[in-house]
Amino acid sequence: MQDLEIIAEYLPLIIPFMLMEMALLAYTIWHIVTHRNYKRGNRVMWMIIAIAGMQFIGPILYFVLGKEED
């Protein structure tokens, strides 16, 4: 019972981060699918990195290391 109270206490803080994470992942996947050129690697590699490193790390790596300048 006390565990649920702790979770309920932190939920308002956790939900915005979860929403930001999902939005960033969705944008990253959209960008990978709609573009053909990458600085390093290919579409499949970046898709795996973005999904496997879902907690901000994968999408950030893509935008820093993989995204080709438009």
PDB file of N, CA and C in Angstrom:
ATOM      1  N   MET A   1       0.812  -1.188   0.000  1.00  0.00           N
ATOM      2  CA  MET A   1       0.000   0.000   0.000  1.00  0.00           C
ATOM      3  C   MET A   1       0.864   1.265   0.000  1.00  0.00           C
ATOM      4  N   GLN A   2       1.935   1.238   0.752  1.00  0.00           N
ATOM      5  CA  GLN A   2       2.815   2.400   0.814  1.00  0.00           C
ATOM      6  C   GLN A   2       3.542   2.612  -0.515  1.00  0.00           C
ATOM      7  N   ASP A   3       3.824   1.526  -1.234  1.00  0.00           N
ATOM      8  CA  ASP A   3       4.468   1.647  -2.541  1.00  0.00           C
ATOM      9  C   ASP A   3       3.592   2.434  -3.504  1.00  0.00           C
ATOM     10  N   LEU A   4       2.302   2.196  -3.480  1.00  0.00           N
ATOM     11  CA  LEU A   4       1.384   2.917  -4.359  1.00  0.00           C
ATOM     12  C   LEU A   4       1.343   4.401  -4.013  1.00  0.00           C
ATOM     13  N   GLU A   5       1.454   4.725  -2.757  1.00  0.00           N
ATOM     14  CA  GLU A   5       1.474   6.126  -2.353  1.00  0.00           C
ATOM     15  C   GLU A   5       2.732   6.821  -2.865  1.00  0.00           C
ATOM     16  N   ILE A   6       3.841   6.125  -2.826  1.00  0.00           N
ATOM     17  CA  ILE A   6       5.102   6.690  -3.328  1.00  0.00           C
ATOM     18  C   ILE A   6       5.017   6.905  -4.832  1.00  0.00           C
ATOM     19  N   ILE A   7       4.484   5.927  -5.542  1.00  0.00           N
ATOM     20  CA  ILE A   7       4.335   6.054  -6.999  1.00  0.00           C
ATOM     21  C   ILE A   7       3.398   7.198  -7.331  1.00  0.00           C
ATOM     22  N   ALA A   8       2.284   7.293  -6.627  1.00  0.00           N
ATOM     23  CA  ALA A   8       1.321   8.368  -6.866  1.00  0.00           C
ATOM     24  C   ALA A   8       1.931   9.735  -6.587  1.00  0.00           C
ATOM     25  N   GLU A   9       2.830   9.809  -5.648  1.00  0.00           N
ATOM     26  CA  GLU A   9       3.479  11.076  -5.312  1.00  0.00           C
ATOM     27  C   GLU A   9       4.388  11.552  -6.442  1.00  0.00           C
ATOM     28  N   TYR A  10       5.110  10.636  -7.084  1.00  0.00           N
ATOM     29  CA  TYR A  10       6.062  10.999  -8.133  1.00  0.00           C
ATOM     30  C   TYR A  10       5.459  10.974  -9.536  1.00  0.00           C
ATOM     31  N   LEU A  11       4.262  10.480  -9.699  1.00  0.00           N
ATOM     32  CA  LEU A  11       3.638  10.364 -11.013  1.00  0.00           C
ATOM     33  C   LEU A  11       3.528  11.699 -11.754  1.00  0.00           C
ATOM     34  N   PRO A  12       3.132  12.791 -11.110  1.00  0.00           N
ATOM     35  CA  PRO A  12       3.079  14.065 -11.849  1.00  0.00           C
ATOM     36  C   PRO A  12       4.436  14.516 -12.391  1.00  0.00           C
ATOM     37  N   LEU A  13       5.508  14.079 -11.795  1.00  0.00           N
ATOM     38  CA  LEU A  13       6.847  14.408 -12.284  1.00  0.00           C
ATOM     39  C   LEU A  13       7.271  13.463 -13.408  1.00  0.00           C
ATOM     40  N   ILE A  14       6.874  12.218 -13.329  1.00  0.00           N
ATOM     41  CA  ILE A  14       7.298  11.199 -14.290  1.00  0.00           C
ATOM     42  C   ILE A  14       6.551  11.321 -15.617  1.00  0.00           C
ATOM     43  N   ILE A  15       5.271  11.637 -15.585  1.00  0.00           N
ATOM     44  CA  ILE A  15       4.453  11.662 -16.805  1.00  0.00           C
ATOM     45  C   ILE A  15       4.987  12.640 -17.857  1.00  0.00           C
ATOM     46  N   PRO A  16       5.358  13.875 -17.526  1.00  0.00           N
ATOM     47  CA  PRO A  16       5.903  14.764 -18.577  1.00  0.00           C
ATOM     48  C   PRO A  16       7.177  14.225 -19.228  1.00  0.00           C
ATOM     49  N   PHE A  17       8.046  13.597 -18.441  1.00  0.00           N
ATOM     50  CA  PHE A  17       9.255  13.014 -19.020  1.00  0.00           C
ATOM     51  C   PHE A  17       8.927  11.850 -19.944  1.00  0.00           C
ATOM     52  N   MET A  18       7.950  11.051 -19.576  1.00  0.00           N
ATOM     53  CA  MET A  18       7.534   9.942 -20.439  1.00  0.00           C
ATOM     54  C   MET A  18       6.960  10.470 -21.751  1.00  0.00           C
ATOM     55  N   LEU A  19       6.155  11.521 -21.677  1.00  0.00           N
ATOM     56  CA  LEU A  19       5.577  12.105 -22.886  1.00  0.00           C
ATOM     57  C   LEU A  19       6.655  12.720 -23.782  1.00  0.00           C
ATOM     58  N   MET A  20       7.630  13.410 -23.180  1.00  0.00           N
ATOM     59  CA  MET A  20       8.736  13.971 -23.963  1.00  0.00           C
ATOM     60  C   MET A  20       9.554  12.868 -24.629  1.00  0.00           C
ATOM     61  N   GLU A  21       9.790  11.794 -23.895  1.00  0.00           N
ATOM     62  CA  GLU A  21      10.555  10.676 -24.434  1.00  0.00           C
ATOM     63  C   GLU A  21       9.839  10.051 -25.624  1.00  0.00           C
ATOM     64  N   MET A  22       8.544   9.828 -25.497  1.00  0.00           N
ATOM     65  CA  MET A  22       7.779   9.219 -26.592  1.00  0.00           C
ATOM     66  C   MET A  22       7.700  10.156 -27.799  1.00  0.00           C
ATOM     67  N   ALA A  23       7.540  11.460 -27.563  1.00  0.00           N
ATOM     68  CA  ALA A  23       7.497  12.424 -28.668  1.00  0.00           C
ATOM     69  C   ALA A  23       8.841  12.476 -29.396  1.00  0.00           C
ATOM     70  N   LEU A  24       9.930  12.484 -28.649  1.00  0.00           N
ATOM     71  CA  LEU A  24      11.259  12.500 -29.260  1.00  0.00           C
ATOM     72  C   LEU A  24      11.510  11.231 -30.060  1.00  0.00           C
ATOM     73  N   LEU A  25      11.108  10.094 -29.523  1.00  0.00           N
ATOM     74  CA  LEU A  25      11.271   8.831 -30.248  1.00  0.00           C
ATOM     75  C   LEU A  25      10.426   8.819 -31.516  1.00  0.00           C
ATOM     76  N   ALA A  26       9.192   9.293 -31.440  1.00  0.00           N
ATOM     77  CA  ALA A  26       8.314   9.319 -32.617  1.00  0.00           C
ATOM     78  C   ALA A  26       8.900  10.224 -33.700  1.00  0.00           C
ATOM     79  N   TYR A  27       9.397  11.397 -33.308  1.00  0.00           N
ATOM     80  CA  TYR A  27      10.005  12.302 -34.286  1.00  0.00           C
ATOM     81  C   TYR A  27      11.262  11.691 -34.896  1.00  0.00           C
ATOM     82  N   THR A  28      12.055  11.044 -34.078  1.00  0.00           N
ATOM     83  CA  THR A  28      13.282  10.412 -34.572  1.00  0.00           C
ATOM     84  C   THR A  28      12.955   9.331 -35.587  1.00  0.00           C
ATOM     85  N   ILE A  29      12.004   8.473 -35.277  1.00  0.00           N
ATOM     86  CA  ILE A  29      11.623   7.405 -36.213  1.00  0.00           C
ATOM     87  C   ILE A  29      11.077   8.006 -37.502  1.00  0.00           C
ATOM     88  N   TRP A  30      10.243   9.043 -37.385  1.00  0.00           N
ATOM     89  CA  TRP A  30       9.718   9.703 -38.577  1.00  0.00           C
ATOM     90  C   TRP A  30      10.859  10.263 -39.422  1.00  0.00           C
ATOM     91  N   HIS A  31      11.828  10.887 -38.785  1.00  0.00           N
ATOM     92  CA  HIS A  31      12.944  11.479 -39.515  1.00  0.00           C
ATOM     93  C   HIS A  31      13.790  10.402 -40.196  1.00  0.00           C
ATOM     94  N   ILE A  32      14.040   9.312 -39.507  1.00  0.00           N
ATOM     95  CA  ILE A  32      14.828   8.216 -40.093  1.00  0.00           C
ATOM     96  C   ILE A  32      14.114   7.638 -41.309  1.00  0.00           C
ATOM     97  N   VAL A  33      12.809   7.448 -41.213  1.00  0.00           N
ATOM     98  CA  VAL A  33      12.044   6.836 -42.305  1.00  0.00           C
ATOM     99  C   VAL A  33      11.944   7.770 -43.509  1.00  0.00           C
ATOM    100  N   THR A  34      11.864   9.068 -43.290  1.00  0.00           N
ATOM    101  CA  THR A  34      11.640   9.993 -44.399  1.00  0.00           C
ATOM    102  C   THR A  34      12.911  10.526 -45.051  1.00  0.00           C
ATOM    103  N   HIS A  35      14.063  10.265 -44.493  1.00  0.00           N
ATOM    104  CA  HIS A  35      15.312  10.746 -45.082  1.00  0.00           C
ATOM    105  C   HIS A  35      16.157   9.573 -45.583  1.00  0.00           C
ATOM    106  N   ARG A  36      16.940   9.854 -46.613  1.00  0.00           N
ATOM    107  CA  ARG A  36      17.750   8.794 -47.221  1.00  0.00           C
ATOM    108  C   ARG A  36      19.221   8.873 -46.859  1.00  0.00           C
ATOM    109  N   ASN A  37      19.731  10.047 -46.549  1.00  0.00           N
ATOM    110  CA  ASN A  37      21.163  10.231 -46.319  1.00  0.00           C
ATOM    111  C   ASN A  37      21.454  10.416 -44.837  1.00  0.00           C
ATOM    112  N   TYR A  38      22.548   9.804 -44.399  1.00  0.00           N
ATOM    113  CA  TYR A  38      22.970   9.870 -43.005  1.00  0.00           C
ATOM    114  C   TYR A  38      24.472  10.130 -42.980  1.00  0.00           C
ATOM    115  N   LYS A  39      24.947  10.843 -41.966  1.00  0.00           N
ATOM    116  CA  LYS A  39      26.384  11.085 -41.837  1.00  0.00           C
ATOM    117  C   LYS A  39      27.126   9.765 -41.692  1.00  0.00           C
ATOM    118  N   ARG A  40      26.638   8.930 -40.797  1.00  0.00           N
ATOM    119  CA  ARG A  40      27.254   7.629 -40.522  1.00  0.00           C
ATOM    120  C   ARG A  40      26.160   6.572 -40.514  1.00  0.00           C
ATOM    121  N   GLY A  41      26.482   5.397 -41.006  1.00  0.00           N
ATOM    122  CA  GLY A  41      25.544   4.281 -40.930  1.00  0.00           C
ATOM    123  C   GLY A  41      24.431   4.358 -41.955  1.00  0.00           C
ATOM    124  N   ASN A  42      23.425   3.525 -41.744  1.00  0.00           N
ATOM    125  CA  ASN A  42      22.291   3.465 -42.656  1.00  0.00           C
ATOM    126  C   ASN A  42      20.985   3.474 -41.874  1.00  0.00           C
ATOM    127  N   ARG A  43      19.889   3.407 -42.583  1.00  0.00           N
ATOM    128  CA  ARG A  43      18.555   3.501 -41.983  1.00  0.00           C
ATOM    129  C   ARG A  43      18.313   2.408 -40.953  1.00  0.00           C
ATOM    130  N   VAL A  44      18.648   1.175 -41.275  1.00  0.00           N
ATOM    131  CA  VAL A  44      18.400   0.055 -40.358  1.00  0.00           C
ATOM    132  C   VAL A  44      19.197   0.221 -39.068  1.00  0.00           C
ATOM    133  N   MET A  45      20.457   0.589 -39.192  1.00  0.00           N
ATOM    134  CA  MET A  45      21.287   0.773 -38.009  1.00  0.00           C
ATOM    135  C   MET A  45      20.716   1.852 -37.094  1.00  0.00           C
ATOM    136  N   TRP A  46      20.322   2.998 -37.659  1.00  0.00           N
ATOM    137  CA  TRP A  46      19.799   4.087 -36.835  1.00  0.00           C
ATOM    138  C   TRP A  46      18.438   3.750 -36.250  1.00  0.00           C
ATOM    139  N   MET A  47      17.645   2.976 -36.958  1.00  0.00           N
ATOM    140  CA  MET A  47      16.351   2.559 -36.413  1.00  0.00           C
ATOM    141  C   MET A  47      16.568   1.664 -35.189  1.00  0.00           C
ATOM    142  N   ILE A  48      17.519   0.743 -35.277  1.00  0.00           N
ATOM    143  CA  ILE A  48      17.823  -0.142 -34.146  1.00  0.00           C
ATOM    144  C   ILE A  48      18.362   0.675 -32.972  1.00  0.00           C
ATOM    145  N   ILE A  49      19.270   1.595 -33.238  1.00  0.00           N
ATOM    146  CA  ILE A  49      19.829   2.421 -32.161  1.00  0.00           C
ATOM    147  C   ILE A  49      18.742   3.271 -31.513  1.00  0.00           C
ATOM    148  N   ALA A  50      17.881   3.872 -32.310  1.00  0.00           N
ATOM    149  CA  ALA A  50      16.834   4.739 -31.765  1.00  0.00           C
ATOM    150  C   ALA A  50      15.857   3.957 -30.898  1.00  0.00           C
ATOM    151  N   ILE A  51      15.475   2.767 -31.338  1.00  0.00           N
ATOM    152  CA  ILE A  51      14.492   1.987 -30.585  1.00  0.00           C
ATOM    153  C   ILE A  51      15.138   1.311 -29.382  1.00  0.00           C
ATOM    154  N   ALA A  52      16.324   0.750 -29.554  1.00  0.00           N
ATOM    155  CA  ALA A  52      16.981   0.060 -28.434  1.00  0.00           C
ATOM    156  C   ALA A  52      17.433   1.042 -27.363  1.00  0.00           C
ATOM    157  N   GLY A  53      17.882   2.223 -27.768  1.00  0.00           N
ATOM    158  CA  GLY A  53      18.311   3.233 -26.804  1.00  0.00           C
ATOM    159  C   GLY A  53      17.216   4.238 -26.557  1.00  0.00           C
ATOM    160  N   MET A  54      16.025   3.744 -26.363  1.00  0.00           N
ATOM    161  CA  MET A  54      14.826   4.569 -26.325  1.00  0.00           C
ATOM    162  C   MET A  54      14.847   5.677 -25.270  1.00  0.00           C
ATOM    163  N   GLN A  55      15.479   5.490 -24.144  1.00  0.00           N
ATOM    164  CA  GLN A  55      15.441   6.508 -23.095  1.00  0.00           C
ATOM    165  C   GLN A  55      16.354   7.679 -23.436  1.00  0.00           C
ATOM    166  N   PHE A  56      15.932   8.472 -24.373  1.00  0.00           N
ATOM    167  CA  PHE A  56      16.601   9.694 -24.821  1.00  0.00           C
ATOM    168  C   PHE A  56      17.945   9.444 -25.496  1.00  0.00           C
ATOM    169  N   ILE A  57      18.670   8.417 -25.139  1.00  0.00           N
ATOM    170  CA  ILE A  57      20.024   8.216 -25.650  1.00  0.00           C
ATOM    171  C   ILE A  57      20.020   7.908 -27.146  1.00  0.00           C
ATOM    172  N   GLY A  58      19.188   6.963 -27.579  1.00  0.00           N
ATOM    173  CA  GLY A  58      19.147   6.587 -28.991  1.00  0.00           C
ATOM    174  C   GLY A  58      18.775   7.753 -29.897  1.00  0.00           C
ATOM    175  N   PRO A  59      17.667   8.447 -29.620  1.00  0.00           N
ATOM    176  CA  PRO A  59      17.318   9.591 -30.465  1.00  0.00           C
ATOM    177  C   PRO A  59      18.365  10.702 -30.448  1.00  0.00           C
ATOM    178  N   ILE A  60      18.943  10.985 -29.308  1.00  0.00           N
ATOM    179  CA  ILE A  60      19.965  12.032 -29.230  1.00  0.00           C
ATOM    180  C   ILE A  60      21.199  11.628 -30.033  1.00  0.00           C
ATOM    181  N   LEU A  61      21.609  10.365 -29.940  1.00  0.00           N
ATOM    182  CA  LEU A  61      22.740   9.890 -30.750  1.00  0.00           C
ATOM    183  C   LEU A  61      22.463  10.067 -32.228  1.00  0.00           C
ATOM    184  N   TYR A  62      21.236   9.769 -32.655  1.00  0.00           N
ATOM    185  CA  TYR A  62      20.901   9.921 -34.068  1.00  0.00           C
ATOM    186  C   TYR A  62      21.040  11.374 -34.502  1.00  0.00           C
ATOM    187  N   PHE A  63      20.472  12.298 -33.743  1.00  0.00           N
ATOM    188  CA  PHE A  63      20.515  13.699 -34.150  1.00  0.00           C
ATOM    189  C   PHE A  63      21.907  14.296 -34.062  1.00  0.00           C
ATOM    190  N   VAL A  64      22.759  13.783 -33.195  1.00  0.00           N
ATOM    191  CA  VAL A  64      24.115  14.296 -33.079  1.00  0.00           C
ATOM    192  C   VAL A  64      25.049  13.639 -34.101  1.00  0.00           C
ATOM    193  N   LEU A  65      24.956  12.323 -34.257  1.00  0.00           N
ATOM    194  CA  LEU A  65      25.920  11.600 -35.083  1.00  0.00           C
ATOM    195  C   LEU A  65      25.403  11.156 -36.441  1.00  0.00           C
ATOM    196  N   GLY A  66      24.108  10.960 -36.612  1.00  0.00           N
ATOM    197  CA  GLY A  66      23.623  10.338 -37.822  1.00  0.00           C
ATOM    198  C   GLY A  66      22.884  11.240 -38.783  1.00  0.00           C
ATOM    199  N   LYS A  67      22.267  12.293 -38.289  1.00  0.00           N
ATOM    200  CA  LYS A  67      21.426  13.128 -39.136  1.00  0.00           C
ATOM    201  C   LYS A  67      22.281  13.924 -40.113  1.00  0.00           C
ATOM    202  N   GLU A  68      21.965  13.781 -41.377  1.00  0.00           N
ATOM    203  CA  GLU A  68      22.632  14.544 -42.436  1.00  0.00           C
ATOM    204  C   GLU A  68      22.029  15.941 -42.462  1.00  0.00           C
ATOM    205  N   GLU A  69      22.871  16.948 -42.664  1.00  0.00           N
ATOM    206  CA  GLU A  69      22.373  18.322 -42.739  1.00  0.00           C
ATOM    207  C   GLU A  69      21.494  18.468 -43.973  1.00  0.00           C
ATOM    208  N   ASP A  70      20.359  19.120 -43.825  1.00  0.00           N
ATOM    209  CA  ASP A  70      19.398  19.271 -44.949  1.00  0.00           C
ATOM    210  C   ASP A  70      19.872  20.230 -45.985  1.00  0.00           C
TER     211      ASP A  70
END
